[in-house]
């Protein structure tokens, strides 16, 4: 189950960071943000959101795994 979760994160990261639309999205706005130093705030915000979503998905995966084990144990005892 953990391998599937890691695989999902890797593919999601690939799609988000290496898609052609993000490569072409560099324009005047990104130069302005770089020159004022605010690009680091934007990057930090995106990283924090990504980490938060990853932790949330990890917790849900653990809860589902525990529920699946509980259901399997109940069926085996009956």
PDB file of N, CA and C in Angstrom:
ATOM      1  N   UNK A   1       0.819  -1.188   0.000  1.00  0.00           N
ATOM      2  CA  UNK A   1       0.000   0.000   0.000  1.00  0.00           C
ATOM      3  C   UNK A   1       0.868   1.259   0.000  1.00  0.00           C
ATOM      4  N   UNK A   2       1.961   1.222   0.768  1.00  0.00           N
ATOM      5  CA  UNK A   2       2.852   2.367   0.828  1.00  0.00           C
ATOM      6  C   UNK A   2       3.522   2.602  -0.521  1.00  0.00           C
ATOM      7  N   UNK A   3       3.845   1.529  -1.215  1.00  0.00           N
ATOM      8  CA  UNK A   3       4.480   1.652  -2.525  1.00  0.00           C
ATOM      9  C   UNK A   3       3.543   2.350  -3.513  1.00  0.00           C
ATOM     10  N   UNK A   4       2.262   2.024  -3.451  1.00  0.00           N
ATOM     11  CA  UNK A   4       1.289   2.674  -4.333  1.00  0.00           C
ATOM     12  C   UNK A   4       1.187   4.155  -4.009  1.00  0.00           C
ATOM     13  N   UNK A   5       1.214   4.487  -2.716  1.00  0.00           N
ATOM     14  CA  UNK A   5       1.103   5.874  -2.301  1.00  0.00           C
ATOM     15  C   UNK A   5       2.312   6.672  -2.790  1.00  0.00           C
ATOM     16  N   UNK A   6       3.502   6.109  -2.627  1.00  0.00           N
ATOM     17  CA  UNK A   6       4.717   6.782  -3.080  1.00  0.00           C
ATOM     18  C   UNK A   6       4.695   6.937  -4.594  1.00  0.00           C
ATOM     19  N   UNK A   7       4.233   5.912  -5.303  1.00  0.00           N
ATOM     20  CA  UNK A   7       4.137   5.978  -6.755  1.00  0.00           C
ATOM     21  C   UNK A   7       3.185   7.096  -7.170  1.00  0.00           C
ATOM     22  N   UNK A   8       2.077   7.217  -6.482  1.00  0.00           N
ATOM     23  CA  UNK A   8       1.100   8.268  -6.777  1.00  0.00           C
ATOM     24  C   UNK A   8       1.712   9.650  -6.553  1.00  0.00           C
ATOM     25  N   UNK A   9       2.448   9.810  -5.467  1.00  0.00           N
ATOM     26  CA  UNK A   9       3.099  11.087  -5.176  1.00  0.00           C
ATOM     27  C   UNK A   9       4.127  11.416  -6.252  1.00  0.00           C
ATOM     28  N   UNK A  10       4.891  10.429  -6.674  1.00  0.00           N
ATOM     29  CA  UNK A  10       5.913  10.669  -7.694  1.00  0.00           C
ATOM     30  C   UNK A  10       5.288  11.097  -9.018  1.00  0.00           C
ATOM     31  N   UNK A  11       4.229  10.406  -9.446  1.00  0.00           N
ATOM     32  CA  UNK A  11       3.574  10.777 -10.700  1.00  0.00           C
ATOM     33  C   UNK A  11       2.912  12.144 -10.589  1.00  0.00           C
ATOM     34  N   UNK A  12       2.305  12.418  -9.452  1.00  0.00           N
ATOM     35  CA  UNK A  12       1.686  13.725  -9.247  1.00  0.00           C
ATOM     36  C   UNK A  12       2.708  14.843  -9.292  1.00  0.00           C
ATOM     37  N   UNK A  13       3.858  14.613  -8.681  1.00  0.00           N
ATOM     38  CA  UNK A  13       4.925  15.607  -8.713  1.00  0.00           C
ATOM     39  C   UNK A  13       5.425  15.821 -10.133  1.00  0.00           C
ATOM     40  N   UNK A  14       5.574  14.729 -10.857  1.00  0.00           N
ATOM     41  CA  UNK A  14       6.041  14.841 -12.236  1.00  0.00           C
ATOM     42  C   UNK A  14       5.072  15.671 -13.067  1.00  0.00           C
ATOM     43  N   UNK A  15       3.794  15.399 -12.917  1.00  0.00           N
ATOM     44  CA  UNK A  15       2.782  16.127 -13.689  1.00  0.00           C
ATOM     45  C   UNK A  15       2.777  17.600 -13.313  1.00  0.00           C
ATOM     46  N   UNK A  16       2.876  17.905 -12.022  1.00  0.00           N
ATOM     47  CA  UNK A  16       2.829  19.298 -11.584  1.00  0.00           C
ATOM     48  C   UNK A  16       4.072  20.089 -11.979  1.00  0.00           C
ATOM     49  N   UNK A  17       5.237  19.506 -11.800  1.00  0.00           N
ATOM     50  CA  UNK A  17       6.463  20.269 -11.961  1.00  0.00           C
ATOM     51  C   UNK A  17       7.085  20.210 -13.352  1.00  0.00           C
ATOM     52  N   UNK A  18       6.746  19.199 -14.124  1.00  0.00           N
ATOM     53  CA  UNK A  18       7.390  19.057 -15.418  1.00  0.00           C
ATOM     54  C   UNK A  18       6.426  19.120 -16.592  1.00  0.00           C
ATOM     55  N   UNK A  19       5.251  19.626 -16.373  1.00  0.00           N
ATOM     56  CA  UNK A  19       4.298  19.727 -17.470  1.00  0.00           C
ATOM     57  C   UNK A  19       4.687  20.898 -18.374  1.00  0.00           C
ATOM     58  N   UNK A  20       4.347  20.814 -19.644  1.00  0.00           N
ATOM     59  CA  UNK A  20       4.712  21.885 -20.573  1.00  0.00           C
ATOM     60  C   UNK A  20       4.089  23.228 -20.214  1.00  0.00           C
ATOM     61  N   UNK A  21       2.904  23.216 -19.631  1.00  0.00           N
ATOM     62  CA  UNK A  21       2.260  24.486 -19.308  1.00  0.00           C
ATOM     63  C   UNK A  21       3.039  25.247 -18.238  1.00  0.00           C
ATOM     64  N   UNK A  22       3.632  24.547 -17.279  1.00  0.00           N
ATOM     65  CA  UNK A  22       4.407  25.244 -16.255  1.00  0.00           C
ATOM     66  C   UNK A  22       5.742  25.737 -16.821  1.00  0.00           C
ATOM     67  N   UNK A  23       6.265  25.051 -17.817  1.00  0.00           N
ATOM     68  CA  UNK A  23       7.521  25.486 -18.422  1.00  0.00           C
ATOM     69  C   UNK A  23       7.330  26.758 -19.234  1.00  0.00           C
ATOM     70  N   UNK A  24       6.156  26.945 -19.801  1.00  0.00           N
ATOM     71  CA  UNK A  24       5.890  28.128 -20.607  1.00  0.00           C
ATOM     72  C   UNK A  24       5.315  29.275 -19.790  1.00  0.00           C
ATOM     73  N   UNK A  25       5.054  29.070 -18.531  1.00  0.00           N
ATOM     74  CA  UNK A  25       4.370  30.073 -17.726  1.00  0.00           C
ATOM     75  C   UNK A  25       5.320  31.120 -17.154  1.00  0.00           C
ATOM     76  N   UNK A  26       6.522  31.219 -17.677  1.00  0.00           N
ATOM     77  CA  UNK A  26       7.462  32.201 -17.167  1.00  0.00           C
ATOM     78  C   UNK A  26       7.354  33.469 -17.995  1.00  0.00           C
ATOM     79  N   UNK A  27       7.044  34.529 -17.315  1.00  0.00           N
ATOM     80  CA  UNK A  27       6.894  35.786 -18.020  1.00  0.00           C
ATOM     81  C   UNK A  27       7.356  36.935 -17.155  1.00  0.00           C
ATOM     82  N   UNK A  28       6.768  38.073 -17.406  1.00  0.00           N
ATOM     83  CA  UNK A  28       7.128  39.291 -16.701  1.00  0.00           C
ATOM     84  C   UNK A  28       6.825  39.192 -15.214  1.00  0.00           C
ATOM     85  N   UNK A  29       5.752  38.522 -14.849  1.00  0.00           N
ATOM     86  CA  UNK A  29       5.379  38.406 -13.440  1.00  0.00           C
ATOM     87  C   UNK A  29       6.433  37.657 -12.639  1.00  0.00           C
ATOM     88  N   UNK A  30       6.977  36.593 -13.198  1.00  0.00           N
ATOM     89  CA  UNK A  30       7.994  35.840 -12.461  1.00  0.00           C
ATOM     90  C   UNK A  30       9.270  36.664 -12.304  1.00  0.00           C
ATOM     91  N   UNK A  31       9.613  37.486 -13.306  1.00  0.00           N
ATOM     92  CA  UNK A  31      10.783  38.354 -13.180  1.00  0.00           C
ATOM     93  C   UNK A  31      10.574  39.377 -12.073  1.00  0.00           C
ATOM     94  N   UNK A  32       9.369  39.926 -11.995  1.00  0.00           N
ATOM     95  CA  UNK A  32       9.059  40.891 -10.941  1.00  0.00           C
ATOM     96  C   UNK A  32       9.161  40.245  -9.567  1.00  0.00           C
ATOM     97  N   UNK A  33       8.610  39.038  -9.437  1.00  0.00           N
ATOM     98  CA  UNK A  33       8.663  38.356  -8.144  1.00  0.00           C
ATOM     99  C   UNK A  33      10.099  38.020  -7.761  1.00  0.00           C
ATOM    100  N   UNK A  34      10.915  37.643  -8.732  1.00  0.00           N
ATOM    101  CA  UNK A  34      12.322  37.350  -8.438  1.00  0.00           C
ATOM    102  C   UNK A  34      13.057  38.611  -8.000  1.00  0.00           C
ATOM    103  N   UNK A  35      12.804  39.708  -8.683  1.00  0.00           N
ATOM    104  CA  UNK A  35      13.532  40.937  -8.377  1.00  0.00           C
ATOM    105  C   UNK A  35      13.165  41.488  -7.008  1.00  0.00           C
ATOM    106  N   UNK A  36      11.942  41.269  -6.555  1.00  0.00           N
ATOM    107  CA  UNK A  36      11.541  41.761  -5.238  1.00  0.00           C
ATOM    108  C   UNK A  36      11.768  40.735  -4.140  1.00  0.00           C
ATOM    109  N   UNK A  37      12.158  39.527  -4.491  1.00  0.00           N
ATOM    110  CA  UNK A  37      12.418  38.487  -3.503  1.00  0.00           C
ATOM    111  C   UNK A  37      11.171  37.777  -3.021  1.00  0.00           C
ATOM    112  N   UNK A  38      10.025  38.077  -3.614  1.00  0.00           N
ATOM    113  CA  UNK A  38       8.771  37.461  -3.177  1.00  0.00           C
ATOM    114  C   UNK A  38       8.553  36.081  -3.781  1.00  0.00           C
ATOM    115  N   UNK A  39       9.357  35.714  -4.762  1.00  0.00           N
ATOM    116  CA  UNK A  39       9.211  34.394  -5.375  1.00  0.00           C
ATOM    117  C   UNK A  39       9.464  33.306  -4.341  1.00  0.00           C
ATOM    118  N   UNK A  40      10.347  33.592  -3.381  1.00  0.00           N
ATOM    119  CA  UNK A  40      10.632  32.605  -2.337  1.00  0.00           C
ATOM    120  C   UNK A  40       9.425  32.396  -1.429  1.00  0.00           C
ATOM    121  N   UNK A  41       8.654  33.446  -1.208  1.00  0.00           N
ATOM    122  CA  UNK A  41       7.419  33.304  -0.422  1.00  0.00           C
ATOM    123  C   UNK A  41       6.409  32.446  -1.163  1.00  0.00           C
ATOM    124  N   UNK A  42       6.310  32.641  -2.451  1.00  0.00           N
ATOM    125  CA  UNK A  42       5.379  31.850  -3.259  1.00  0.00           C
ATOM    126  C   UNK A  42       5.802  30.383  -3.255  1.00  0.00           C
ATOM    127  N   UNK A  43       7.079  30.136  -3.469  1.00  0.00           N
ATOM    128  CA  UNK A  43       7.584  28.762  -3.475  1.00  0.00           C
ATOM    129  C   UNK A  43       7.381  28.117  -2.108  1.00  0.00           C
ATOM    130  N   UNK A  44       7.647  28.856  -1.041  1.00  0.00           N
ATOM    131  CA  UNK A  44       7.451  28.319   0.310  1.00  0.00           C
ATOM    132  C   UNK A  44       5.983  27.971   0.541  1.00  0.00           C
ATOM    133  N   UNK A  45       5.079  28.820   0.072  1.00  0.00           N
ATOM    134  CA  UNK A  45       3.650  28.533   0.213  1.00  0.00           C
ATOM    135  C   UNK A  45       3.244  27.273  -0.521  1.00  0.00           C
ATOM    136  N   UNK A  46       3.729  27.108  -1.733  1.00  0.00           N
ATOM    137  CA  UNK A  46       3.403  25.916  -2.522  1.00  0.00           C
ATOM    138  C   UNK A  46       3.967  24.666  -1.854  1.00  0.00           C
ATOM    139  N   UNK A  47       5.185  24.760  -1.346  1.00  0.00           N
ATOM    140  CA  UNK A  47       5.807  23.609  -0.682  1.00  0.00           C
ATOM    141  C   UNK A  47       5.036  23.236   0.582  1.00  0.00           C
ATOM    142  N   UNK A  48       4.625  24.228   1.366  1.00  0.00           N
ATOM    143  CA  UNK A  48       3.868  23.955   2.591  1.00  0.00           C
ATOM    144  C   UNK A  48       2.537  23.290   2.260  1.00  0.00           C
ATOM    145  N   UNK A  49       1.853  23.782   1.236  1.00  0.00           N
ATOM    146  CA  UNK A  49       0.579  23.181   0.831  1.00  0.00           C
ATOM    147  C   UNK A  49       0.795  21.747   0.360  1.00  0.00           C
ATOM    148  N   UNK A  50       1.834  21.518  -0.436  1.00  0.00           N
ATOM    149  CA  UNK A  50       2.127  20.172  -0.932  1.00  0.00           C
ATOM    150  C   UNK A  50       2.440  19.219   0.217  1.00  0.00           C
ATOM    151  N   UNK A  51       3.229  19.669   1.172  1.00  0.00           N
ATOM    152  CA  UNK A  51       3.559  18.826   2.327  1.00  0.00           C
ATOM    153  C   UNK A  51       2.306  18.537   3.148  1.00  0.00           C
ATOM    154  N   UNK A  52       1.462  19.547   3.330  1.00  0.00           N
ATOM    155  CA  UNK A  52       0.224  19.347   4.080  1.00  0.00           C
ATOM    156  C   UNK A  52      -0.690  18.330   3.430  1.00  0.00           C
ATOM    157  N   UNK A  53      -0.847  18.418   2.125  1.00  0.00           N
ATOM    158  CA  UNK A  53      -1.689  17.456   1.406  1.00  0.00           C
ATOM    159  C   UNK A  53      -1.079  16.061   1.477  1.00  0.00           C
ATOM    160  N   UNK A  54       0.239  15.975   1.374  1.00  0.00           N
ATOM    161  CA  UNK A  54       0.905  14.665   1.456  1.00  0.00           C
ATOM    162  C   UNK A  54       0.700  14.025   2.823  1.00  0.00           C
ATOM    163  N   UNK A  55       0.832  14.807   3.882  1.00  0.00           N
ATOM    164  CA  UNK A  55       0.620  14.274   5.233  1.00  0.00           C
ATOM    165  C   UNK A  55      -0.824  13.842   5.409  1.00  0.00           C
ATOM    166  N   UNK A  56      -1.750  14.631   4.902  1.00  0.00           N
ATOM    167  CA  UNK A  56      -3.170  14.286   4.995  1.00  0.00           C
ATOM    168  C   UNK A  56      -3.459  12.960   4.285  1.00  0.00           C
ATOM    169  N   UNK A  57      -2.920  12.800   3.086  1.00  0.00           N
ATOM    170  CA  UNK A  57      -3.121  11.552   2.344  1.00  0.00           C
ATOM    171  C   UNK A  57      -2.469  10.372   3.057  1.00  0.00           C
ATOM    172  N   UNK A  58      -1.319  10.579   3.665  1.00  0.00           N
ATOM    173  CA  UNK A  58      -0.642   9.521   4.403  1.00  0.00           C
ATOM    174  C   UNK A  58      -1.477   9.075   5.598  1.00  0.00           C
ATOM    175  N   UNK A  59      -2.068  10.044   6.318  1.00  0.00           N
ATOM    176  CA  UNK A  59      -2.923   9.697   7.462  1.00  0.00           C
ATOM    177  C   UNK A  59      -4.156   8.921   7.015  1.00  0.00           C
ATOM    178  N   UNK A  60      -4.776   9.360   5.928  1.00  0.00           N
ATOM    179  CA  UNK A  60      -5.951   8.651   5.419  1.00  0.00           C
ATOM    180  C   UNK A  60      -5.572   7.233   5.004  1.00  0.00           C
ATOM    181  N   UNK A  61      -4.427   7.068   4.367  1.00  0.00           N
ATOM    182  CA  UNK A  61      -3.970   5.740   3.961  1.00  0.00           C
ATOM    183  C   UNK A  61      -3.778   4.839   5.173  1.00  0.00           C
ATOM    184  N   UNK A  62      -3.185   5.369   6.227  1.00  0.00           N
ATOM    185  CA  UNK A  62      -3.000   4.570   7.448  1.00  0.00           C
ATOM    186  C   UNK A  62      -4.339   4.178   8.063  1.00  0.00           C
ATOM    187  N   UNK A  63      -5.275   5.100   8.109  1.00  0.00           N
ATOM    188  CA  UNK A  63      -6.592   4.795   8.677  1.00  0.00           C
ATOM    189  C   UNK A  63      -7.310   3.730   7.854  1.00  0.00           C
ATOM    190  N   UNK A  64      -7.232   3.844   6.535  1.00  0.00           N
ATOM    191  CA  UNK A  64      -7.874   2.847   5.676  1.00  0.00           C
ATOM    192  C   UNK A  64      -7.216   1.479   5.827  1.00  0.00           C
ATOM    193  N   UNK A  65      -5.909   1.463   5.954  1.00  0.00           N
ATOM    194  CA  UNK A  65      -5.207   0.193   6.156  1.00  0.00           C
ATOM    195  C   UNK A  65      -5.645  -0.464   7.459  1.00  0.00           C
ATOM    196  N   UNK A  66      -5.766   0.330   8.515  1.00  0.00           N
ATOM    197  CA  UNK A  66      -6.228  -0.218   9.798  1.00  0.00           C
ATOM    198  C   UNK A  66      -7.655  -0.741   9.698  1.00  0.00           C
ATOM    199  N   UNK A  67      -8.531  -0.014   9.005  1.00  0.00           N
ATOM    200  CA  UNK A  67      -9.907  -0.475   8.826  1.00  0.00           C
ATOM    201  C   UNK A  67      -9.959  -1.771   8.020  1.00  0.00           C
ATOM    202  N   UNK A  68      -9.137  -1.857   6.984  1.00  0.00           N
ATOM    203  CA  UNK A  68      -9.100  -3.080   6.181  1.00  0.00           C
ATOM    204  C   UNK A  68      -8.636  -4.263   7.022  1.00  0.00           C
ATOM    205  N   UNK A  69      -7.642  -4.046   7.877  1.00  0.00           N
ATOM    206  CA  UNK A  69      -7.176  -5.122   8.758  1.00  0.00           C
ATOM    207  C   UNK A  69      -8.266  -5.532   9.739  1.00  0.00           C
ATOM    208  N   UNK A  70      -8.992  -4.553  10.278  1.00  0.00           N
ATOM    209  CA  UNK A  70     -10.082  -4.851  11.208  1.00  0.00           C
ATOM    210  C   UNK A  70     -11.156  -5.690  10.533  1.00  0.00           C
ATOM    211  N   UNK A  71     -11.547  -5.292   9.345  1.00  0.00           N
ATOM    212  CA  UNK A  71     -12.592  -6.019   8.614  1.00  0.00           C
ATOM    213  C   UNK A  71     -12.115  -7.426   8.287  1.00  0.00           C
ATOM    214  N   UNK A  72     -10.867  -7.554   7.868  1.00  0.00           N
ATOM    215  CA  UNK A  72     -10.320  -8.873   7.548  1.00  0.00           C
ATOM    216  C   UNK A  72     -10.290  -9.764   8.789  1.00  0.00           C
ATOM    217  N   UNK A  73      -9.884  -9.215   9.931  1.00  0.00           N
ATOM    218  CA  UNK A  73      -9.850  -9.987  11.178  1.00  0.00           C
ATOM    219  C   UNK A  73     -11.247 -10.402  11.617  1.00  0.00           C
ATOM    220  N   UNK A  74     -12.232  -9.525  11.444  1.00  0.00           N
ATOM    221  CA  UNK A  74     -13.610  -9.855  11.821  1.00  0.00           C
ATOM    222  C   UNK A  74     -14.156 -10.981  10.954  1.00  0.00           C
ATOM    223  N   UNK A  75     -13.840 -10.953   9.666  1.00  0.00           N
ATOM    224  CA  UNK A  75     -14.314 -12.008   8.770  1.00  0.00           C
ATOM    225  C   UNK A  75     -13.627 -13.344   9.061  1.00  0.00           C
ATOM    226  N   UNK A  76     -12.374 -13.299   9.465  1.00  0.00           N
ATOM    227  CA  UNK A  76     -11.656 -14.536   9.773  1.00  0.00           C
ATOM    228  C   UNK A  76     -12.149 -15.165  11.072  1.00  0.00           C
ATOM    229  N   UNK A  77     -12.563 -14.352  12.030  1.00  0.00           N
ATOM    230  CA  UNK A  77     -13.038 -14.899  13.305  1.00  0.00           C
ATOM    231  C   UNK A  77     -14.458 -15.436  13.196  1.00  0.00           C
ATOM    232  N   UNK A  78     -15.224 -14.957  12.243  1.00  0.00           N
ATOM    233  CA  UNK A  78     -16.612 -15.424  12.074  1.00  0.00           C
ATOM    234  C   UNK A  78     -16.639 -16.611  11.212  1.00  0.00           C
TER     235      UNK A  78
END
